[in-house]
Amino acid sequence: MPSLNLEKHLWSQGLSRVAGVDEVGMAALAGPVVAAAVLVAPGCRIIRAVRDSKVLTRQQREALVPLIRERVIRVGIGAASIAEIRRLNIYHASHLAMQRALRQIGEYDHVLVDGKRILDPTFAPGKHTEVVKGDARSFAIAAASIVAKVTRDRLMAKLAARYPGYGWEHNCGYPTIDHRTALRERGVTPFHRHDFGTVRILLQAEQTELGLMQEAAS
């Protein structure tokens, strides 16, 4: 169960405003990458049900978001669009989403970031700590993972109404069997990531087919 041990260690050093940040949507074939930042301070009490968002059901995550907002100092949300993912690559786009989430919470002393070493210069040296499997260790990071997941799931459900048939309301843009099947049958939408796996293969196949048709016509 995530604890406040990492946060308490920072608080003991006088770093009273500690943020946890996490992102979701890195491996999806469609949709933006979304990040959330959660600001906690001494006196914060954990919510026992908070876990890594991936081990919770959709209903559990939805129920926890208002509890998290009540318990922490502030919550921020940021995202990077499809165009930004294409321009920057998913690694840097995820950091852009994190920075946007952090700007939403205002001033902070230190950031706990889920994941391995961050080389992005937007994360100032000495003001952040990378925590491997942070959403299983830090309450602030786990809370951020839940908020980010719920936010992105709701967004993908809205996009599913605009582009039905891909199952985004339940697969959230990840490469499930039904999503890959729909891609082959329905084609690529403006919200698909053209450089990702199945999407790239399908686009290459379409370009090859178009080229062969043009050659045959000539």
N, C-alpha and C. Protein backbone atom coordinates (compact mmCIF):
# COMPACT_ATOMS: atom_id res chain seq x y z
N MET A 1 0.84 -1.19 0.00
CA MET A 1 0.00 0.00 0.00
C MET A 1 0.88 1.24 0.00
N PRO A 2 0.59 2.22 -0.86
CA PRO A 2 1.37 3.45 -0.85
C PRO A 2 1.31 4.12 0.52
N SER A 3 2.42 4.74 0.90
CA SER A 3 2.49 5.41 2.20
C SER A 3 2.94 6.84 2.01
N LEU A 4 3.10 7.55 3.12
CA LEU A 4 3.62 8.91 3.10
C LEU A 4 5.08 8.96 3.55
N ASN A 5 5.77 7.83 3.52
CA ASN A 5 7.15 7.79 4.00
C ASN A 5 8.07 8.70 3.19
N LEU A 6 7.94 8.66 1.88
CA LEU A 6 8.79 9.52 1.04
C LEU A 6 8.46 10.99 1.26
N GLU A 7 7.17 11.28 1.37
CA GLU A 7 6.75 12.65 1.62
C GLU A 7 7.24 13.13 2.98
N LYS A 8 7.15 12.29 4.01
CA LYS A 8 7.57 12.67 5.34
C LYS A 8 9.08 12.93 5.39
N HIS A 9 9.83 12.17 4.62
CA HIS A 9 11.29 12.39 4.57
C HIS A 9 11.59 13.79 4.03
N LEU A 10 10.86 14.20 3.01
CA LEU A 10 11.06 15.54 2.45
C LEU A 10 10.55 16.62 3.41
N TRP A 11 9.42 16.37 4.05
CA TRP A 11 8.90 17.33 5.03
C TRP A 11 9.91 17.57 6.15
N SER A 12 10.59 16.49 6.56
CA SER A 12 11.55 16.62 7.66
C SER A 12 12.74 17.49 7.29
N GLN A 13 12.96 17.69 5.98
CA GLN A 13 14.04 18.54 5.50
C GLN A 13 13.57 19.98 5.26
N GLY A 14 12.34 20.26 5.66
CA GLY A 14 11.81 21.60 5.48
C GLY A 14 11.11 21.82 4.15
N LEU A 15 10.98 20.77 3.36
CA LEU A 15 10.31 20.87 2.06
C LEU A 15 8.83 20.54 2.29
N SER A 16 8.07 21.50 2.73
CA SER A 16 6.72 21.23 3.21
C SER A 16 5.70 21.02 2.10
N ARG A 17 5.94 21.62 0.94
CA ARG A 17 4.98 21.49 -0.17
C ARG A 17 5.50 20.47 -1.17
N VAL A 18 5.04 19.24 -1.03
CA VAL A 18 5.53 18.13 -1.86
C VAL A 18 4.45 17.73 -2.85
N ALA A 19 4.83 17.61 -4.11
CA ALA A 19 3.89 17.20 -5.16
C ALA A 19 4.24 15.81 -5.65
N GLY A 20 3.21 15.03 -5.91
CA GLY A 20 3.37 13.76 -6.60
C GLY A 20 2.79 13.91 -8.00
N VAL A 21 3.46 13.40 -9.00
CA VAL A 21 2.98 13.55 -10.37
C VAL A 21 3.10 12.22 -11.10
N ASP A 22 2.10 11.96 -11.94
CA ASP A 22 2.09 10.72 -12.73
C ASP A 22 1.32 10.98 -14.02
N GLU A 23 1.56 10.15 -15.04
CA GLU A 23 0.89 10.29 -16.32
C GLU A 23 0.22 8.97 -16.69
N VAL A 24 -0.73 9.07 -17.62
CA VAL A 24 -1.37 7.89 -18.19
C VAL A 24 -1.51 8.09 -19.69
N GLY A 25 -1.55 6.97 -20.41
CA GLY A 25 -1.75 7.02 -21.85
C GLY A 25 -0.50 6.88 -22.68
N MET A 26 0.62 6.53 -22.07
CA MET A 26 1.87 6.41 -22.81
C MET A 26 1.79 5.36 -23.92
N ALA A 27 1.17 4.23 -23.63
CA ALA A 27 1.18 3.11 -24.57
C ALA A 27 -0.07 3.04 -25.44
N ALA A 28 -0.95 4.01 -25.34
CA ALA A 28 -2.18 3.99 -26.13
C ALA A 28 -1.89 4.26 -27.60
N LEU A 29 -2.78 3.79 -28.46
CA LEU A 29 -2.68 4.06 -29.89
C LEU A 29 -3.43 5.33 -30.28
N ALA A 30 -4.26 5.83 -29.38
CA ALA A 30 -5.07 7.00 -29.69
C ALA A 30 -5.25 7.85 -28.44
N GLY A 31 -5.51 9.14 -28.67
CA GLY A 31 -5.78 10.05 -27.58
C GLY A 31 -4.54 10.71 -27.02
N PRO A 32 -4.72 11.75 -26.23
CA PRO A 32 -3.60 12.48 -25.64
C PRO A 32 -2.97 11.70 -24.49
N VAL A 33 -1.83 12.17 -24.05
CA VAL A 33 -1.26 11.70 -22.80
C VAL A 33 -1.66 12.71 -21.74
N VAL A 34 -2.10 12.21 -20.58
CA VAL A 34 -2.64 13.07 -19.52
C VAL A 34 -1.84 12.85 -18.24
N ALA A 35 -1.56 13.94 -17.55
CA ALA A 35 -0.83 13.86 -16.27
C ALA A 35 -1.62 14.58 -15.19
N ALA A 36 -1.39 14.17 -13.97
CA ALA A 36 -1.98 14.86 -12.82
C ALA A 36 -0.90 15.10 -11.78
N ALA A 37 -1.03 16.20 -11.06
CA ALA A 37 -0.13 16.52 -9.95
C ALA A 37 -0.97 16.72 -8.70
N VAL A 38 -0.51 16.18 -7.60
CA VAL A 38 -1.22 16.28 -6.32
C VAL A 38 -0.26 16.88 -5.29
N LEU A 39 -0.68 17.97 -4.65
CA LEU A 39 0.16 18.65 -3.68
C LEU A 39 -0.28 18.26 -2.27
N VAL A 40 0.69 17.78 -1.48
CA VAL A 40 0.41 17.38 -0.10
C VAL A 40 1.35 18.13 0.84
N ALA A 41 0.92 18.30 2.08
CA ALA A 41 1.71 19.02 3.08
C ALA A 41 1.62 18.28 4.40
N PRO A 42 2.51 18.59 5.36
CA PRO A 42 2.45 17.93 6.67
C PRO A 42 1.05 17.99 7.26
N GLY A 43 0.64 16.87 7.83
CA GLY A 43 -0.71 16.76 8.37
C GLY A 43 -1.65 16.02 7.44
N CYS A 44 -1.20 15.79 6.22
CA CYS A 44 -2.02 15.03 5.27
C CYS A 44 -2.23 13.61 5.79
N ARG A 45 -3.43 13.10 5.65
CA ARG A 45 -3.74 11.73 6.04
C ARG A 45 -4.03 10.92 4.78
N ILE A 46 -3.47 9.72 4.72
CA ILE A 46 -3.66 8.91 3.53
C ILE A 46 -5.10 8.39 3.46
N ILE A 47 -5.49 8.03 2.27
CA ILE A 47 -6.77 7.36 2.03
C ILE A 47 -6.44 5.89 1.79
N ARG A 48 -6.90 5.03 2.65
CA ARG A 48 -6.46 3.63 2.62
C ARG A 48 -6.72 2.95 1.29
N ALA A 49 -7.78 3.36 0.60
CA ALA A 49 -8.14 2.69 -0.65
C ALA A 49 -7.28 3.13 -1.84
N VAL A 50 -6.49 4.19 -1.68
CA VAL A 50 -5.67 4.68 -2.79
C VAL A 50 -4.56 3.69 -3.09
N ARG A 51 -4.49 3.32 -4.34
CA ARG A 51 -3.47 2.38 -4.85
C ARG A 51 -3.02 2.87 -6.22
N ASP A 52 -2.08 2.15 -6.80
CA ASP A 52 -1.76 2.33 -8.21
C ASP A 52 -3.06 2.21 -9.00
N SER A 53 -3.34 3.17 -9.86
CA SER A 53 -4.63 3.20 -10.56
C SER A 53 -4.89 1.95 -11.37
N LYS A 54 -3.83 1.27 -11.80
CA LYS A 54 -4.00 0.09 -12.67
C LYS A 54 -4.60 -1.10 -11.93
N VAL A 55 -4.52 -1.12 -10.60
CA VAL A 55 -5.04 -2.27 -9.85
C VAL A 55 -6.45 -2.00 -9.32
N LEU A 56 -7.00 -0.84 -9.63
CA LEU A 56 -8.35 -0.48 -9.19
C LEU A 56 -9.33 -0.60 -10.34
N THR A 57 -10.59 -0.83 -10.02
CA THR A 57 -11.62 -0.84 -11.05
C THR A 57 -11.99 0.59 -11.41
N ARG A 58 -12.68 0.75 -12.53
CA ARG A 58 -13.13 2.08 -12.94
C ARG A 58 -14.02 2.71 -11.88
N GLN A 59 -14.92 1.91 -11.30
CA GLN A 59 -15.82 2.42 -10.27
C GLN A 59 -15.06 2.87 -9.02
N GLN A 60 -14.04 2.11 -8.64
CA GLN A 60 -13.23 2.49 -7.47
C GLN A 60 -12.48 3.79 -7.72
N ARG A 61 -11.91 3.92 -8.92
CA ARG A 61 -11.18 5.15 -9.24
C ARG A 61 -12.11 6.37 -9.23
N GLU A 62 -13.28 6.21 -9.84
CA GLU A 62 -14.23 7.32 -9.90
C GLU A 62 -14.64 7.75 -8.48
N ALA A 63 -14.84 6.78 -7.58
CA ALA A 63 -15.26 7.10 -6.22
C ALA A 63 -14.14 7.78 -5.43
N LEU A 64 -12.88 7.49 -5.77
CA LEU A 64 -11.75 8.02 -5.01
C LEU A 64 -11.41 9.46 -5.38
N VAL A 65 -11.68 9.88 -6.60
CA VAL A 65 -11.27 11.22 -7.04
C VAL A 65 -11.80 12.33 -6.13
N PRO A 66 -13.10 12.37 -5.81
CA PRO A 66 -13.56 13.45 -4.91
C PRO A 66 -12.95 13.35 -3.52
N LEU A 67 -12.67 12.14 -3.03
CA LEU A 67 -12.03 11.98 -1.73
C LEU A 67 -10.61 12.53 -1.76
N ILE A 68 -9.90 12.27 -2.86
CA ILE A 68 -8.54 12.79 -3.01
C ILE A 68 -8.56 14.31 -3.02
N ARG A 69 -9.47 14.90 -3.77
CA ARG A 69 -9.55 16.35 -3.86
C ARG A 69 -9.83 16.99 -2.50
N GLU A 70 -10.59 16.29 -1.66
CA GLU A 70 -10.88 16.81 -0.32
C GLU A 70 -9.68 16.70 0.61
N ARG A 71 -8.87 15.67 0.43
CA ARG A 71 -7.82 15.36 1.38
C ARG A 71 -6.52 16.13 1.11
N VAL A 72 -6.20 16.44 -0.14
CA VAL A 72 -4.92 17.06 -0.48
C VAL A 72 -5.07 18.59 -0.58
N ILE A 73 -3.95 19.27 -0.73
CA ILE A 73 -3.97 20.74 -0.82
C ILE A 73 -4.52 21.20 -2.17
N ARG A 74 -4.00 20.61 -3.23
CA ARG A 74 -4.41 21.05 -4.56
C ARG A 74 -4.16 19.94 -5.57
N VAL A 75 -4.95 19.94 -6.65
CA VAL A 75 -4.81 18.98 -7.74
C VAL A 75 -4.66 19.74 -9.05
N GLY A 76 -3.70 19.33 -9.87
CA GLY A 76 -3.53 19.93 -11.19
C GLY A 76 -3.56 18.86 -12.27
N ILE A 77 -4.06 19.24 -13.44
CA ILE A 77 -4.17 18.31 -14.56
C ILE A 77 -3.56 18.95 -15.79
N GLY A 78 -2.79 18.18 -16.54
CA GLY A 78 -2.20 18.66 -17.79
C GLY A 78 -2.26 17.58 -18.84
N ALA A 79 -2.15 17.97 -20.09
CA ALA A 79 -2.20 17.01 -21.19
C ALA A 79 -1.30 17.46 -22.33
N ALA A 80 -0.92 16.52 -23.16
CA ALA A 80 -0.21 16.81 -24.41
C ALA A 80 -1.02 16.20 -25.53
N SER A 81 -1.26 16.98 -26.56
CA SER A 81 -2.15 16.59 -27.65
C SER A 81 -1.49 15.61 -28.61
N ILE A 82 -2.30 15.10 -29.53
CA ILE A 82 -1.80 14.22 -30.58
C ILE A 82 -0.72 14.92 -31.38
N ALA A 83 -0.96 16.18 -31.74
CA ALA A 83 0.04 16.93 -32.52
C ALA A 83 1.34 17.08 -31.74
N GLU A 84 1.26 17.32 -30.43
CA GLU A 84 2.47 17.46 -29.62
C GLU A 84 3.18 16.13 -29.46
N ILE A 85 2.44 15.04 -29.38
CA ILE A 85 3.07 13.71 -29.31
C ILE A 85 3.84 13.45 -30.60
N ARG A 86 3.26 13.79 -31.74
CA ARG A 86 3.94 13.60 -33.03
C ARG A 86 5.19 14.46 -33.13
N ARG A 87 5.08 15.70 -32.65
CA ARG A 87 6.20 16.64 -32.80
C ARG A 87 7.33 16.34 -31.82
N LEU A 88 6.99 15.99 -30.58
CA LEU A 88 8.00 15.87 -29.53
C LEU A 88 8.46 14.44 -29.29
N ASN A 89 7.64 13.45 -29.60
CA ASN A 89 7.68 12.02 -29.25
C ASN A 89 7.01 11.84 -27.89
N ILE A 90 6.58 10.63 -27.61
CA ILE A 90 5.75 10.38 -26.44
C ILE A 90 6.50 10.63 -25.13
N TYR A 91 7.80 10.40 -25.12
CA TYR A 91 8.60 10.61 -23.90
C TYR A 91 8.56 12.08 -23.49
N HIS A 92 8.89 12.97 -24.41
CA HIS A 92 8.91 14.39 -24.09
C HIS A 92 7.49 14.95 -23.95
N ALA A 93 6.54 14.40 -24.70
CA ALA A 93 5.16 14.86 -24.56
C ALA A 93 4.61 14.53 -23.17
N SER A 94 5.00 13.39 -22.62
CA SER A 94 4.53 13.04 -21.28
C SER A 94 5.08 14.02 -20.24
N HIS A 95 6.33 14.46 -20.43
CA HIS A 95 6.91 15.43 -19.51
C HIS A 95 6.25 16.80 -19.67
N LEU A 96 5.87 17.14 -20.89
CA LEU A 96 5.13 18.39 -21.12
C LEU A 96 3.81 18.35 -20.36
N ALA A 97 3.10 17.23 -20.42
CA ALA A 97 1.84 17.09 -19.69
C ALA A 97 2.08 17.21 -18.19
N MET A 98 3.16 16.61 -17.68
CA MET A 98 3.47 16.71 -16.26
C MET A 98 3.74 18.15 -15.85
N GLN A 99 4.52 18.88 -16.66
CA GLN A 99 4.83 20.27 -16.33
C GLN A 99 3.56 21.13 -16.32
N ARG A 100 2.65 20.86 -17.24
CA ARG A 100 1.38 21.59 -17.27
C ARG A 100 0.55 21.29 -16.03
N ALA A 101 0.57 20.04 -15.59
CA ALA A 101 -0.15 19.68 -14.36
C ALA A 101 0.47 20.39 -13.15
N LEU A 102 1.80 20.43 -13.10
CA LEU A 102 2.48 21.07 -11.98
C LEU A 102 2.21 22.58 -11.95
N ARG A 103 2.11 23.20 -13.10
CA ARG A 103 1.80 24.63 -13.13
C ARG A 103 0.41 24.92 -12.55
N GLN A 104 -0.47 23.94 -12.62
CA GLN A 104 -1.83 24.12 -12.11
C GLN A 104 -1.88 24.15 -10.58
N ILE A 105 -0.88 23.58 -9.92
CA ILE A 105 -0.92 23.53 -8.46
C ILE A 105 -0.19 24.69 -7.81
N GLY A 106 0.43 25.56 -8.60
CA GLY A 106 1.12 26.70 -8.03
C GLY A 106 2.50 26.34 -7.49
N GLU A 107 2.92 27.02 -6.42
CA GLU A 107 4.26 26.84 -5.88
C GLU A 107 4.38 25.50 -5.14
N TYR A 108 5.54 24.89 -5.27
CA TYR A 108 5.84 23.64 -4.56
C TYR A 108 7.34 23.62 -4.29
N ASP A 109 7.74 22.77 -3.33
CA ASP A 109 9.15 22.68 -2.94
C ASP A 109 9.86 21.52 -3.60
N HIS A 110 9.15 20.43 -3.81
CA HIS A 110 9.79 19.24 -4.38
C HIS A 110 8.72 18.38 -5.06
N VAL A 111 9.16 17.65 -6.08
CA VAL A 111 8.24 16.79 -6.84
C VAL A 111 8.71 15.34 -6.79
N LEU A 112 7.80 14.45 -6.49
CA LEU A 112 8.03 13.00 -6.60
C LEU A 112 7.42 12.56 -7.92
N VAL A 113 8.26 12.03 -8.81
CA VAL A 113 7.83 11.67 -10.16
C VAL A 113 7.87 10.16 -10.31
N ASP A 114 6.76 9.60 -10.80
CA ASP A 114 6.74 8.16 -11.04
C ASP A 114 7.64 7.83 -12.24
N GLY A 115 8.51 6.85 -12.07
CA GLY A 115 9.32 6.39 -13.20
C GLY A 115 10.81 6.43 -12.92
N LYS A 116 11.55 6.15 -14.00
CA LYS A 116 13.01 6.10 -13.90
C LYS A 116 13.60 7.48 -14.17
N ARG A 117 14.90 7.51 -14.41
CA ARG A 117 15.62 8.77 -14.54
C ARG A 117 15.02 9.69 -15.61
N ILE A 118 14.84 10.95 -15.25
CA ILE A 118 14.30 11.95 -16.17
C ILE A 118 15.43 12.85 -16.64
N LEU A 119 15.61 12.92 -17.95
CA LEU A 119 16.67 13.74 -18.53
C LEU A 119 16.14 15.07 -19.06
N ASP A 120 14.84 15.25 -19.01
CA ASP A 120 14.22 16.46 -19.53
C ASP A 120 14.65 17.67 -18.69
N PRO A 121 15.23 18.71 -19.34
CA PRO A 121 15.71 19.88 -18.58
C PRO A 121 14.60 20.70 -17.93
N THR A 122 13.35 20.47 -18.31
CA THR A 122 12.25 21.21 -17.66
C THR A 122 12.07 20.78 -16.21
N PHE A 123 12.62 19.63 -15.84
CA PHE A 123 12.60 19.20 -14.44
C PHE A 123 13.90 19.65 -13.79
N ALA A 124 13.82 20.70 -12.98
CA ALA A 124 15.01 21.32 -12.42
C ALA A 124 15.77 20.34 -11.51
N PRO A 125 17.08 20.23 -11.67
CA PRO A 125 17.88 19.35 -10.80
C PRO A 125 17.71 19.76 -9.34
N GLY A 126 17.54 18.77 -8.48
CA GLY A 126 17.41 19.02 -7.05
C GLY A 126 16.00 19.31 -6.59
N LYS A 127 15.07 19.53 -7.54
CA LYS A 127 13.69 19.83 -7.15
C LYS A 127 12.75 18.67 -7.43
N HIS A 128 13.29 17.55 -7.89
CA HIS A 128 12.44 16.39 -8.14
C HIS A 128 13.20 15.11 -7.82
N THR A 129 12.44 14.08 -7.52
CA THR A 129 13.00 12.75 -7.26
C THR A 129 12.23 11.74 -8.07
N GLU A 130 12.94 10.95 -8.88
CA GLU A 130 12.30 9.87 -9.61
C GLU A 130 12.10 8.68 -8.67
N VAL A 131 10.92 8.09 -8.71
CA VAL A 131 10.60 6.97 -7.83
C VAL A 131 10.12 5.81 -8.69
N VAL A 132 10.93 4.78 -8.80
CA VAL A 132 10.55 3.60 -9.57
C VAL A 132 9.36 2.93 -8.89
N LYS A 133 8.34 2.63 -9.69
CA LYS A 133 7.08 2.09 -9.16
C LYS A 133 6.52 3.00 -8.08
N GLY A 134 6.61 4.29 -8.36
CA GLY A 134 6.19 5.29 -7.38
C GLY A 134 4.73 5.20 -7.01
N ASP A 135 3.88 4.78 -7.97
CA ASP A 135 2.45 4.70 -7.66
C ASP A 135 2.12 3.57 -6.70
N ALA A 136 3.10 2.71 -6.40
CA ALA A 136 2.92 1.67 -5.39
C ALA A 136 3.61 2.04 -4.08
N ARG A 137 4.35 3.16 -4.07
CA ARG A 137 5.13 3.53 -2.90
C ARG A 137 4.71 4.85 -2.28
N SER A 138 4.34 5.82 -3.11
CA SER A 138 4.04 7.16 -2.62
C SER A 138 2.55 7.44 -2.72
N PHE A 139 1.97 7.92 -1.62
CA PHE A 139 0.56 8.26 -1.63
C PHE A 139 0.28 9.37 -2.64
N ALA A 140 1.13 10.39 -2.69
CA ALA A 140 0.91 11.51 -3.60
C ALA A 140 0.94 11.06 -5.06
N ILE A 141 1.89 10.20 -5.39
CA ILE A 141 1.98 9.70 -6.77
C ILE A 141 0.79 8.82 -7.09
N ALA A 142 0.41 7.93 -6.17
CA ALA A 142 -0.73 7.04 -6.40
C ALA A 142 -2.01 7.85 -6.59
N ALA A 143 -2.18 8.89 -5.77
CA ALA A 143 -3.36 9.75 -5.92
C ALA A 143 -3.36 10.44 -7.28
N ALA A 144 -2.18 10.91 -7.71
CA ALA A 144 -2.07 11.55 -9.01
C ALA A 144 -2.38 10.57 -10.13
N SER A 145 -1.96 9.32 -9.98
CA SER A 145 -2.22 8.32 -11.03
C SER A 145 -3.72 8.07 -11.18
N ILE A 146 -4.44 8.10 -10.08
CA ILE A 146 -5.90 7.89 -10.12
C ILE A 146 -6.59 9.06 -10.80
N VAL A 147 -6.22 10.27 -10.41
CA VAL A 147 -6.83 11.46 -11.01
C VAL A 147 -6.55 11.51 -12.51
N ALA A 148 -5.32 11.23 -12.90
CA ALA A 148 -4.95 11.25 -14.32
C ALA A 148 -5.72 10.19 -15.10
N LYS A 149 -5.84 9.00 -14.53
CA LYS A 149 -6.53 7.91 -15.21
C LYS A 149 -8.01 8.23 -15.40
N VAL A 150 -8.66 8.72 -14.36
CA VAL A 150 -10.08 9.06 -14.46
C VAL A 150 -10.30 10.17 -15.47
N THR A 151 -9.43 11.18 -15.45
CA THR A 151 -9.56 12.30 -16.39
C THR A 151 -9.43 11.82 -17.82
N ARG A 152 -8.44 10.99 -18.09
CA ARG A 152 -8.23 10.52 -19.46
C ARG A 152 -9.33 9.56 -19.91
N ASP A 153 -9.78 8.70 -19.01
CA ASP A 153 -10.87 7.77 -19.36
C ASP A 153 -12.13 8.54 -19.76
N ARG A 154 -12.44 9.60 -19.01
CA ARG A 154 -13.63 10.40 -19.34
C ARG A 154 -13.46 11.07 -20.70
N LEU A 155 -12.26 11.56 -20.97
CA LEU A 155 -12.00 12.20 -22.26
C LEU A 155 -12.15 11.22 -23.40
N MET A 156 -11.61 10.00 -23.23
CA MET A 156 -11.70 9.00 -24.29
C MET A 156 -13.15 8.56 -24.52
N ALA A 157 -13.96 8.55 -23.46
CA ALA A 157 -15.37 8.21 -23.61
C ALA A 157 -16.08 9.27 -24.46
N LYS A 158 -15.71 10.55 -24.27
CA LYS A 158 -16.29 11.62 -25.08
C LYS A 158 -15.86 11.48 -26.54
N LEU A 159 -14.59 11.15 -26.76
CA LEU A 159 -14.10 10.97 -28.13
C LEU A 159 -14.76 9.75 -28.78
N ALA A 160 -15.10 8.75 -27.97
CA ALA A 160 -15.76 7.55 -28.50
C ALA A 160 -17.12 7.89 -29.10
N ALA A 161 -17.79 8.89 -28.54
CA ALA A 161 -19.09 9.30 -29.08
C ALA A 161 -18.92 9.96 -30.44
N ARG A 162 -17.77 10.60 -30.66
CA ARG A 162 -17.50 11.24 -31.95
C ARG A 162 -16.98 10.24 -32.98
N TYR A 163 -16.26 9.23 -32.51
CA TYR A 163 -15.69 8.21 -33.40
C TYR A 163 -16.09 6.83 -32.87
N PRO A 164 -17.35 6.44 -33.06
CA PRO A 164 -17.81 5.16 -32.52
C PRO A 164 -17.20 3.97 -33.26
N GLY A 165 -17.20 2.84 -32.59
CA GLY A 165 -16.75 1.60 -33.21
C GLY A 165 -15.36 1.17 -32.83
N TYR A 166 -14.58 2.06 -32.20
CA TYR A 166 -13.21 1.71 -31.81
C TYR A 166 -13.13 1.22 -30.36
N GLY A 167 -14.22 1.35 -29.63
CA GLY A 167 -14.25 0.86 -28.26
C GLY A 167 -13.52 1.74 -27.27
N TRP A 168 -13.32 3.01 -27.61
CA TRP A 168 -12.56 3.88 -26.71
C TRP A 168 -13.25 4.07 -25.38
N GLU A 169 -14.57 3.87 -25.34
CA GLU A 169 -15.28 4.05 -24.08
C GLU A 169 -14.89 2.99 -23.05
N HIS A 170 -14.29 1.88 -23.51
CA HIS A 170 -13.84 0.86 -22.55
C HIS A 170 -12.36 0.52 -22.70
N ASN A 171 -11.77 0.66 -23.91
CA ASN A 171 -10.34 0.35 -24.04
C ASN A 171 -9.46 1.59 -23.93
N CYS A 172 -10.09 2.77 -23.93
CA CYS A 172 -9.40 4.05 -23.71
C CYS A 172 -8.26 4.30 -24.69
N GLY A 173 -8.37 3.69 -25.88
CA GLY A 173 -7.37 3.93 -26.91
C GLY A 173 -6.20 2.98 -26.89
N TYR A 174 -6.17 2.04 -25.95
CA TYR A 174 -5.07 1.09 -25.88
C TYR A 174 -5.24 0.00 -26.95
N PRO A 175 -4.16 -0.71 -27.30
CA PRO A 175 -4.20 -1.66 -28.42
C PRO A 175 -4.85 -3.00 -28.08
N THR A 176 -6.11 -2.96 -27.70
CA THR A 176 -6.87 -4.19 -27.45
C THR A 176 -7.25 -4.83 -28.78
N ILE A 177 -7.73 -6.06 -28.73
CA ILE A 177 -8.10 -6.77 -29.96
C ILE A 177 -9.20 -6.02 -30.71
N ASP A 178 -10.23 -5.55 -29.98
CA ASP A 178 -11.33 -4.87 -30.66
C ASP A 178 -10.87 -3.55 -31.27
N HIS A 179 -9.93 -2.87 -30.63
CA HIS A 179 -9.42 -1.62 -31.17
C HIS A 179 -8.62 -1.87 -32.45
N ARG A 180 -7.76 -2.88 -32.43
CA ARG A 180 -6.95 -3.19 -33.61
C ARG A 180 -7.83 -3.66 -34.77
N THR A 181 -8.87 -4.43 -34.44
CA THR A 181 -9.80 -4.88 -35.48
C THR A 181 -10.52 -3.70 -36.11
N ALA A 182 -10.98 -2.77 -35.27
CA ALA A 182 -11.67 -1.58 -35.78
C ALA A 182 -10.75 -0.72 -36.64
N LEU A 183 -9.48 -0.66 -36.28
CA LEU A 183 -8.52 0.10 -37.07
C LEU A 183 -8.43 -0.47 -38.49
N ARG A 184 -8.37 -1.79 -38.57
CA ARG A 184 -8.28 -2.43 -39.89
C ARG A 184 -9.56 -2.24 -40.70
N GLU A 185 -10.70 -2.26 -40.00
CA GLU A 185 -11.98 -2.19 -40.70
C GLU A 185 -12.43 -0.75 -40.99
N ARG A 186 -12.10 0.17 -40.06
CA ARG A 186 -12.62 1.53 -40.17
C ARG A 186 -11.56 2.55 -40.56
N GLY A 187 -10.30 2.20 -40.41
CA GLY A 187 -9.24 3.14 -40.74
C GLY A 187 -8.81 3.99 -39.55
N VAL A 188 -7.95 4.93 -39.84
CA VAL A 188 -7.31 5.75 -38.82
C VAL A 188 -8.06 7.07 -38.66
N THR A 189 -8.26 7.51 -37.41
CA THR A 189 -8.93 8.77 -37.12
C THR A 189 -7.88 9.86 -36.85
N PRO A 190 -8.30 11.12 -36.78
CA PRO A 190 -7.36 12.19 -36.44
C PRO A 190 -6.79 12.07 -35.03
N PHE A 191 -7.41 11.25 -34.18
CA PHE A 191 -6.92 11.11 -32.81
C PHE A 191 -6.03 9.89 -32.63
N HIS A 192 -5.70 9.20 -33.71
CA HIS A 192 -4.75 8.09 -33.62
C HIS A 192 -3.32 8.62 -33.74
N ARG A 193 -2.42 7.94 -33.08
CA ARG A 193 -1.00 8.31 -33.09
C ARG A 193 -0.32 7.61 -34.26
N HIS A 194 0.01 8.36 -35.28
CA HIS A 194 0.47 7.79 -36.54
C HIS A 194 1.80 7.05 -36.42
N ASP A 195 2.59 7.35 -35.41
CA ASP A 195 3.89 6.71 -35.26
C ASP A 195 3.87 5.47 -34.38
N PHE A 196 2.68 5.06 -33.95
CA PHE A 196 2.57 3.96 -33.00
C PHE A 196 2.13 2.66 -33.67
N GLY A 197 2.93 1.61 -33.49
CA GLY A 197 2.60 0.23 -33.81
C GLY A 197 1.62 -0.03 -34.93
N THR A 198 0.44 -0.54 -34.55
CA THR A 198 -0.58 -0.93 -35.51
C THR A 198 -0.99 0.22 -36.41
N VAL A 199 -1.05 1.42 -35.87
CA VAL A 199 -1.45 2.59 -36.65
C VAL A 199 -0.44 2.84 -37.76
N ARG A 200 0.83 2.80 -37.43
CA ARG A 200 1.88 3.02 -38.43
C ARG A 200 1.85 1.95 -39.52
N ILE A 201 1.65 0.71 -39.12
CA ILE A 201 1.60 -0.39 -40.09
C ILE A 201 0.44 -0.21 -41.05
N LEU A 202 -0.72 0.16 -40.52
CA LEU A 202 -1.89 0.35 -41.37
C LEU A 202 -1.70 1.53 -42.33
N LEU A 203 -1.11 2.60 -41.85
CA LEU A 203 -0.86 3.74 -42.71
C LEU A 203 0.13 3.39 -43.81
N GLN A 204 1.16 2.63 -43.48
CA GLN A 204 2.13 2.20 -44.49
C GLN A 204 1.47 1.32 -45.53
N ALA A 205 0.57 0.43 -45.05
CA ALA A 205 -0.14 -0.45 -45.99
C ALA A 205 -1.03 0.35 -46.93
N GLU A 206 -1.71 1.38 -46.38
CA GLU A 206 -2.56 2.22 -47.20
C GLU A 206 -1.74 2.98 -48.25
N GLN A 207 -0.57 3.47 -47.85
CA GLN A 207 0.28 4.19 -48.78
C GLN A 207 0.80 3.28 -49.88
N THR A 208 1.15 2.04 -49.50
CA THR A 208 1.62 1.07 -50.49
C THR A 208 0.52 0.74 -51.47
N GLU A 209 -0.70 0.51 -50.95
CA GLU A 209 -1.83 0.19 -51.82
C GLU A 209 -2.14 1.35 -52.77
N LEU A 210 -2.07 2.57 -52.25
CA LEU A 210 -2.33 3.74 -53.09
C LEU A 210 -1.27 3.84 -54.18
N GLY A 211 -0.02 3.57 -53.81
CA GLY A 211 1.06 3.61 -54.80
C GLY A 211 0.87 2.60 -55.90
N LEU A 212 0.43 1.38 -55.53
CA LEU A 212 0.21 0.34 -56.53
C LEU A 212 -0.95 0.70 -57.45
N MET A 213 -1.99 1.31 -56.87
CA MET A 213 -3.13 1.74 -57.69
C MET A 213 -2.73 2.82 -58.68
N GLN A 214 -1.88 3.75 -58.23
CA GLN A 214 -1.42 4.80 -59.12
C GLN A 214 -0.56 4.24 -60.24
N GLU A 215 0.28 3.25 -59.92
CA GLU A 215 1.11 2.63 -60.93
C GLU A 215 0.27 1.88 -61.96
N ALA A 216 -0.78 1.19 -61.46
CA ALA A 216 -1.65 0.44 -62.36
C ALA A 216 -2.41 1.39 -63.30
N ALA A 217 -2.80 2.53 -62.74
CA ALA A 217 -3.56 3.50 -63.55
C ALA A 217 -2.69 4.14 -64.62
N SER A 218 -1.40 4.24 -64.35
CA SER A 218 -0.50 4.85 -65.33
C SER A 218 -0.04 3.82 -66.36
